[in-house]
Amino acid sequence: MSMLIPGQNQLAEPAIIAVDEFEPLLAEFKAFVVDYVATRAPQSAAKLKVSLDNESELLTLALEAFCVRLQTHERKYNARIKQMLAWWATGSNLDARLADMGLERQVLDPGDPAAFPPVPPTLESDDDARLRYYLAPHAPAAGSRMQYRREVFTLGERPSVKVQSATPGVVTVSYTFDPDGYAAQVKDGNARRTAPGEVMVTVLSREGDGTPSADLLDGVRRHFARPDVRPETDLVSVQGAQILRYKIRVVAKINAGPDSGLTQVAAQKLLQDYAESCHRLEGRVDPSWIDYAIHSAGAAQLQILEPLTPIISTAFQAPFCTGVEVEVRTL
């Protein structure tokens, strides 16, 4: 059975949030108005129909404006519906979905409330929180890839579990929490079987290019050494991700007239966001997406200098962009 993973898979929007097309909606309202008038003033219905067939009539323009307003209302209402679905929810709406799974956002940096002005805490992004939400149901699936990945993302959040039966017929389960803060340092992680009974856990850090510190790797090893985490049949090893460094260099050409500085800023932002989304284990950097991003920024033509071919990483690797260079020229 395959699993949808935010950031790696696309999910079509549900049919419930579809917005009616303008022309069919306008025709429906015209027919409704004519039928409504026909039941109350039949002699006026024919004249009204002729009037509504004339696009320059004031009443026709009023109905068109009403349809536009109705479409706008539907889009606003649909946006609220999407915020109730974890795949699209953001901000506090996503926090509410996390609470359904007994989760909350991880604190990456506590900030400094005593500073002036106060420094607010830095919390994990919507994308990272959403990924943990979808991994949560796999917690009981011992030994599966999803279970291992969930454990990497929740280091230190799971208590030590001790089961005792000191009295006949009485079972005591105790939970001891020991938060160590390692989970907030993990950007991505997975586990792959390298040989029968042997599993390699790979960790990508949030710091720098993603290379985890020795302290973080030690914390991951201790976590997977716990008897309530590691399956009894698995020999678990832990390693840092192998980083594949690359640059994005492009020459964009725009038509005379627009502000080239604005286009360059937009292109730079789009490419940086794309590079950040690819900074994952098994990430893929595709020149076709770079082409799309530059055209979205307003370029008429472009030349990609780097990378010329797709950068494809394995389960043990992650691509990291060392720099984005955009040169803008006018045609």
Protein backbone atom coordinates (compact mmCIF):
# COMPACT_ATOMS: atom_id res chain seq x y z
CA MET A 1 0.00 0.00 0.00
CA SER A 2 1.43 3.40 -0.98
CA MET A 3 1.26 6.48 1.21
CA LEU A 4 0.77 10.13 0.35
CA ILE A 5 3.63 12.19 1.76
CA PRO A 6 3.32 16.01 1.87
CA GLY A 7 6.04 17.64 -0.17
CA GLN A 8 6.60 14.52 -2.26
CA ASN A 9 3.12 13.80 -3.59
CA GLN A 10 0.38 15.96 -5.03
CA LEU A 11 -3.25 15.63 -3.98
CA ALA A 12 -6.09 16.89 -6.13
CA GLU A 13 -8.48 19.29 -4.45
CA PRO A 14 -11.79 17.66 -3.47
CA ALA A 15 -14.78 18.22 -5.72
CA ILE A 16 -16.67 19.92 -2.88
CA ILE A 17 -14.57 23.08 -3.27
CA ALA A 18 -15.10 23.46 -7.01
CA VAL A 19 -16.32 26.92 -8.10
CA ASP A 20 -19.11 27.10 -10.69
CA GLU A 21 -17.98 28.44 -14.06
CA PHE A 22 -19.19 31.93 -14.92
CA GLU A 23 -21.14 31.30 -18.16
CA PRO A 24 -23.21 28.30 -16.91
CA LEU A 25 -23.86 30.15 -13.65
CA LEU A 26 -25.06 33.26 -15.48
CA ALA A 27 -27.32 31.18 -17.74
CA GLU A 28 -28.76 29.44 -14.69
CA PHE A 29 -29.59 32.75 -13.00
CA LYS A 30 -31.12 34.19 -16.16
CA ALA A 31 -33.37 31.15 -16.49
CA PHE A 32 -34.28 31.33 -12.81
CA VAL A 33 -35.20 35.02 -13.01
CA VAL A 34 -37.34 34.49 -16.12
CA ASP A 35 -39.15 31.51 -14.55
CA TYR A 36 -39.68 33.42 -11.32
CA VAL A 37 -41.21 36.39 -13.14
CA ALA A 38 -43.32 34.08 -15.36
CA THR A 39 -45.11 32.66 -12.31
CA ARG A 40 -46.04 36.14 -11.08
CA ALA A 41 -46.25 38.36 -14.17
CA PRO A 42 -46.45 36.11 -17.28
CA GLN A 43 -46.91 39.09 -19.59
CA SER A 44 -43.53 40.48 -18.52
CA ALA A 45 -41.52 37.25 -18.73
CA ALA A 46 -41.03 37.37 -22.52
CA LYS A 47 -39.90 41.01 -22.41
CA LEU A 48 -37.52 40.18 -19.56
CA LYS A 49 -35.97 37.31 -21.51
CA VAL A 50 -35.29 39.60 -24.47
CA SER A 51 -33.76 42.14 -22.12
CA LEU A 52 -31.48 39.58 -20.45
CA ASP A 53 -30.27 38.33 -23.84
CA ASN A 54 -28.91 41.84 -24.47
CA GLU A 55 -25.51 42.06 -22.76
CA SER A 56 -25.62 45.87 -22.67
CA GLU A 57 -28.83 45.98 -20.62
CA LEU A 58 -28.39 47.24 -17.07
CA LEU A 59 -30.25 44.24 -15.60
CA THR A 60 -27.95 41.84 -17.49
CA LEU A 61 -24.90 43.65 -16.13
CA ALA A 62 -26.38 43.45 -12.64
CA LEU A 63 -26.82 39.67 -12.96
CA GLU A 64 -23.24 39.34 -14.24
CA ALA A 65 -21.98 41.32 -11.26
CA PHE A 66 -24.01 39.10 -8.93
CA CYS A 67 -22.45 35.96 -10.47
CA VAL A 68 -18.96 37.38 -10.01
CA ARG A 69 -19.77 38.21 -6.40
CA LEU A 70 -21.15 34.71 -5.85
CA GLN A 71 -17.98 33.14 -7.28
CA THR A 72 -15.86 35.29 -4.96
CA HIS A 73 -17.97 34.19 -2.00
CA GLU A 74 -17.59 30.54 -3.01
CA ARG A 75 -13.80 30.89 -3.20
CA LYS A 76 -13.67 32.43 0.28
CA TYR A 77 -15.91 29.71 1.68
CA ASN A 78 -13.90 26.98 -0.06
CA ALA A 79 -10.67 28.41 1.35
CA ARG A 80 -12.15 27.96 4.83
CA ILE A 81 -13.12 24.38 4.01
CA LYS A 82 -9.55 23.61 2.90
CA GLN A 83 -8.25 24.91 6.24
CA MET A 84 -10.21 22.10 7.91
CA LEU A 85 -8.22 19.50 5.93
CA ALA A 86 -4.73 18.67 7.18
CA TRP A 87 -3.25 18.51 3.68
CA TRP A 88 -3.97 22.22 3.10
CA ALA A 89 -4.35 23.63 6.64
CA THR A 90 -1.89 26.30 7.78
CA GLY A 91 -1.07 28.19 10.97
CA SER A 92 -3.39 27.70 13.91
CA ASN A 93 -5.77 25.66 11.75
CA LEU A 94 -3.01 23.10 11.25
CA ASP A 95 -2.28 23.23 14.99
CA ALA A 96 -5.87 22.11 15.58
CA ARG A 97 -5.38 19.15 13.23
CA LEU A 98 -2.12 18.25 15.01
CA ALA A 99 -4.00 18.20 18.31
CA ASP A 100 -6.26 15.47 16.88
CA MET A 101 -3.17 13.24 16.86
CA GLY A 102 -1.91 14.42 20.24
CA LEU A 103 0.84 16.45 18.56
CA GLU A 104 2.02 20.03 18.81
CA ARG A 105 4.59 22.06 16.94
CA GLN A 106 8.20 21.56 17.88
CA VAL A 107 10.10 24.58 19.19
CA LEU A 108 13.26 25.09 17.11
CA ASP A 109 14.44 28.12 19.10
CA PRO A 110 12.85 29.28 22.38
CA GLY A 111 13.59 32.93 21.59
CA ASP A 112 14.12 35.45 24.38
CA PRO A 113 11.02 36.94 26.03
CA ALA A 114 13.25 39.03 28.32
CA ALA A 115 14.94 40.83 25.41
CA PHE A 116 13.87 44.26 24.18
CA PRO A 117 12.08 43.96 21.93
CA PRO A 118 11.14 40.37 22.88
CA VAL A 119 12.38 37.67 20.51
CA PRO A 120 9.51 35.28 19.72
CA PRO A 121 10.15 31.53 19.63
CA THR A 122 10.84 29.86 16.28
CA LEU A 123 8.49 26.95 15.60
CA GLU A 124 8.71 24.25 12.96
CA SER A 125 7.16 25.08 9.59
CA ASP A 126 3.71 24.04 8.42
CA ASP A 127 5.25 21.54 5.99
CA ASP A 128 7.31 19.81 8.70
CA ALA A 129 4.40 19.72 11.15
CA ARG A 130 2.09 18.36 8.45
CA LEU A 131 4.56 15.57 7.66
CA ARG A 132 4.63 14.46 11.31
CA TYR A 133 0.82 14.51 11.30
CA TYR A 134 0.71 12.00 8.44
CA LEU A 135 3.42 9.84 9.99
CA ALA A 136 1.64 9.62 13.37
CA PRO A 137 -0.72 6.74 12.42
CA HIS A 138 2.29 4.57 11.63
CA ALA A 139 3.57 4.62 15.22
CA PRO A 140 2.29 1.11 16.07
CA ALA A 141 3.68 -0.44 12.86
CA ALA A 142 6.91 -1.85 14.31
CA GLY A 143 9.74 -2.17 11.83
CA SER A 144 8.06 -0.44 8.89
CA ARG A 145 9.74 2.40 6.99
CA MET A 146 7.07 4.82 8.16
CA GLN A 147 7.48 3.77 11.79
CA TYR A 148 11.22 4.32 11.63
CA ARG A 149 10.74 7.69 9.97
CA ARG A 150 8.23 8.76 12.58
CA GLU A 151 10.70 7.82 15.33
CA VAL A 152 13.40 9.97 13.72
CA PHE A 153 11.02 12.95 13.70
CA THR A 154 9.88 12.46 17.31
CA LEU A 155 13.18 11.89 19.10
CA GLY A 156 12.79 12.63 22.79
CA GLU A 157 9.01 13.04 22.60
CA ARG A 158 8.27 9.41 23.40
CA PRO A 159 8.50 8.44 27.07
CA SER A 160 10.30 5.41 28.42
CA VAL A 161 7.66 2.75 29.01
CA LYS A 162 7.94 0.31 31.89
CA VAL A 163 5.43 -2.49 32.47
CA GLN A 164 5.38 -4.29 35.83
CA SER A 165 3.13 -6.74 37.61
CA ALA A 166 4.12 -6.75 41.27
CA THR A 167 0.70 -8.00 42.37
CA PRO A 168 -1.20 -10.90 40.80
CA GLY A 169 -3.87 -9.56 38.47
CA VAL A 170 -2.46 -6.01 38.55
CA VAL A 171 -0.36 -4.58 35.69
CA THR A 172 1.32 -1.21 36.19
CA VAL A 173 2.44 0.84 33.18
CA SER A 174 4.64 3.86 33.88
CA TYR A 175 5.72 6.56 31.42
CA THR A 176 8.89 8.53 32.10
CA PHE A 177 9.55 11.55 29.87
CA ASP A 178 13.08 12.78 29.22
CA PRO A 179 12.93 15.57 26.61
CA ASP A 180 16.35 16.07 25.05
CA GLY A 181 15.55 18.51 22.26
CA TYR A 182 17.06 16.41 19.48
CA ALA A 183 13.81 16.16 17.51
CA ALA A 184 13.87 19.89 16.79
CA GLN A 185 17.24 19.49 15.05
CA VAL A 186 16.04 16.85 12.57
CA LYS A 187 14.91 18.10 9.17
CA ASP A 188 14.45 14.69 7.56
CA GLY A 189 15.19 11.06 8.25
CA ASN A 190 14.48 7.56 7.05
CA ALA A 191 15.48 3.93 7.48
CA ARG A 192 16.44 1.34 4.89
CA ARG A 193 17.33 -2.33 5.20
CA THR A 194 20.94 -2.80 4.07
CA ALA A 195 21.07 -6.55 4.78
CA PRO A 196 18.78 -9.14 6.39
CA GLY A 197 18.19 -7.97 9.96
CA GLU A 198 20.25 -4.78 9.47
CA VAL A 199 18.71 -1.30 9.20
CA MET A 200 20.48 1.97 8.42
CA VAL A 201 18.88 5.14 9.81
CA THR A 202 19.92 8.30 7.92
CA VAL A 203 19.49 11.75 9.46
CA LEU A 204 19.41 15.18 7.80
CA SER A 205 19.91 18.15 10.12
CA ARG A 206 18.31 21.58 9.96
CA GLU A 207 21.69 23.23 10.51
CA GLY A 208 23.89 24.39 7.63
CA ASP A 209 23.99 22.02 4.68
CA GLY A 210 22.16 19.32 6.61
CA THR A 211 25.16 17.44 8.01
CA PRO A 212 24.14 16.37 11.54
CA SER A 213 26.42 17.03 14.48
CA ALA A 214 28.07 14.18 16.36
CA ASP A 215 25.89 15.03 19.35
CA LEU A 216 22.70 14.69 17.30
CA LEU A 217 23.81 11.35 15.83
CA ASP A 218 24.62 10.08 19.32
CA GLY A 219 21.15 11.14 20.45
CA VAL A 220 19.57 9.24 17.56
CA ARG A 221 21.63 6.14 18.38
CA ARG A 222 20.53 6.26 22.01
CA HIS A 223 16.91 6.62 20.92
CA PHE A 224 17.02 3.58 18.64
CA ALA A 225 18.85 1.56 21.28
CA ARG A 226 15.78 1.71 23.50
CA PRO A 227 13.94 -1.61 23.75
CA ASP A 228 10.56 0.10 23.33
CA VAL A 229 11.68 1.69 20.03
CA ARG A 230 13.91 -0.73 18.16
CA PRO A 231 12.35 -3.98 16.90
CA GLU A 232 14.02 -6.95 18.58
CA THR A 233 15.08 -8.44 15.23
CA ASP A 234 16.78 -5.31 13.86
CA LEU A 235 20.41 -4.26 14.16
CA VAL A 236 20.14 -0.48 13.77
CA SER A 237 22.99 1.75 12.59
CA VAL A 238 22.83 5.55 12.34
CA GLN A 239 24.57 7.83 9.85
CA GLY A 240 24.42 11.41 8.66
CA ALA A 241 23.11 12.22 5.20
CA GLN A 242 25.57 12.47 2.34
CA ILE A 243 25.22 16.01 0.99
CA LEU A 244 25.18 16.61 -2.78
CA ARG A 245 26.16 20.26 -3.26
CA TYR A 246 25.14 22.20 -6.32
CA LYS A 247 24.51 25.75 -7.57
CA ILE A 248 21.65 27.27 -9.51
CA ARG A 249 22.89 29.71 -12.16
CA VAL A 250 20.59 31.13 -14.80
CA VAL A 251 20.47 33.97 -17.30
CA ALA A 252 16.97 35.38 -17.71
CA LYS A 253 15.96 37.66 -20.55
CA ILE A 254 12.99 39.99 -20.25
CA ASN A 255 11.20 42.26 -22.66
CA ALA A 256 12.08 45.95 -22.58
CA GLY A 257 9.97 47.95 -20.14
CA PRO A 258 9.48 45.97 -16.91
CA ASP A 259 11.71 46.63 -13.92
CA SER A 260 14.49 44.04 -14.22
CA GLY A 261 15.31 44.39 -10.53
CA LEU A 262 11.80 43.31 -9.56
CA THR A 263 12.01 40.30 -11.88
CA GLN A 264 15.40 39.35 -10.47
CA VAL A 265 14.11 39.52 -6.89
CA ALA A 266 11.09 37.39 -7.75
CA ALA A 267 13.22 34.82 -9.60
CA GLN A 268 15.74 34.67 -6.76
CA LYS A 269 12.98 34.04 -4.21
CA LEU A 270 11.29 31.33 -6.30
CA LEU A 271 14.55 29.48 -6.90
CA GLN A 272 15.58 29.67 -3.25
CA ASP A 273 12.19 28.30 -2.19
CA TYR A 274 12.49 25.50 -4.73
CA ALA A 275 16.01 24.62 -3.56
CA GLU A 276 14.80 24.52 0.04
CA SER A 277 11.96 22.15 -0.87
CA CYS A 278 14.50 19.81 -2.52
CA HIS A 279 16.75 19.74 0.56
CA ARG A 280 15.41 16.35 1.66
CA LEU A 281 16.54 12.76 1.60
CA GLU A 282 15.86 11.38 -1.87
CA GLY A 283 15.37 14.97 -3.05
CA ARG A 284 15.46 15.69 -6.77
CA VAL A 285 16.49 18.93 -8.45
CA ASP A 286 15.07 19.16 -11.95
CA PRO A 287 16.05 21.84 -14.52
CA SER A 288 12.47 21.76 -15.84
CA TRP A 289 11.23 23.15 -12.50
CA ILE A 290 13.90 25.86 -12.65
CA ASP A 291 12.65 26.73 -16.13
CA TYR A 292 9.11 26.99 -14.74
CA ALA A 293 10.19 29.19 -11.82
CA ILE A 294 12.05 31.67 -14.03
CA HIS A 295 9.18 32.01 -16.46
CA SER A 296 6.82 32.53 -13.51
CA ALA A 297 9.02 35.45 -12.45
CA GLY A 298 8.39 37.19 -15.77
CA ALA A 299 11.23 36.00 -18.02
CA ALA A 300 10.62 35.77 -21.77
CA GLN A 301 13.69 33.63 -22.44
CA LEU A 302 16.24 31.92 -20.24
CA GLN A 303 19.46 29.96 -20.23
CA ILE A 304 20.18 27.50 -17.43
CA LEU A 305 23.91 27.36 -16.68
CA GLU A 306 23.70 25.06 -13.64
CA PRO A 307 22.46 22.38 -13.16
CA LEU A 308 22.25 21.09 -16.71
CA THR A 309 20.96 17.64 -15.76
CA PRO A 310 18.66 16.48 -12.94
CA ILE A 311 20.28 15.93 -9.55
CA ILE A 312 18.83 12.70 -8.17
CA SER A 313 19.69 11.62 -4.63
CA THR A 314 19.29 8.24 -2.97
CA ALA A 315 17.67 7.44 0.37
CA PHE A 316 21.04 8.20 2.01
CA GLN A 317 21.63 11.52 0.21
CA ALA A 318 20.20 15.03 0.11
CA PRO A 319 20.88 17.82 -2.42
CA PHE A 320 21.96 21.18 -0.98
CA CYS A 321 22.08 24.44 -2.93
CA THR A 322 25.20 26.47 -2.13
CA GLY A 323 24.01 29.53 -4.02
CA VAL A 324 21.47 30.99 -6.43
CA GLU A 325 22.69 33.36 -9.14
CA VAL A 326 20.23 35.09 -11.46
CA GLU A 327 21.45 37.42 -14.20
CA VAL A 328 18.75 39.49 -15.89
CA ARG A 329 19.19 40.88 -19.38
CA THR A 330 16.84 42.93 -21.54
CA LEU A 331 15.95 41.75 -25.02
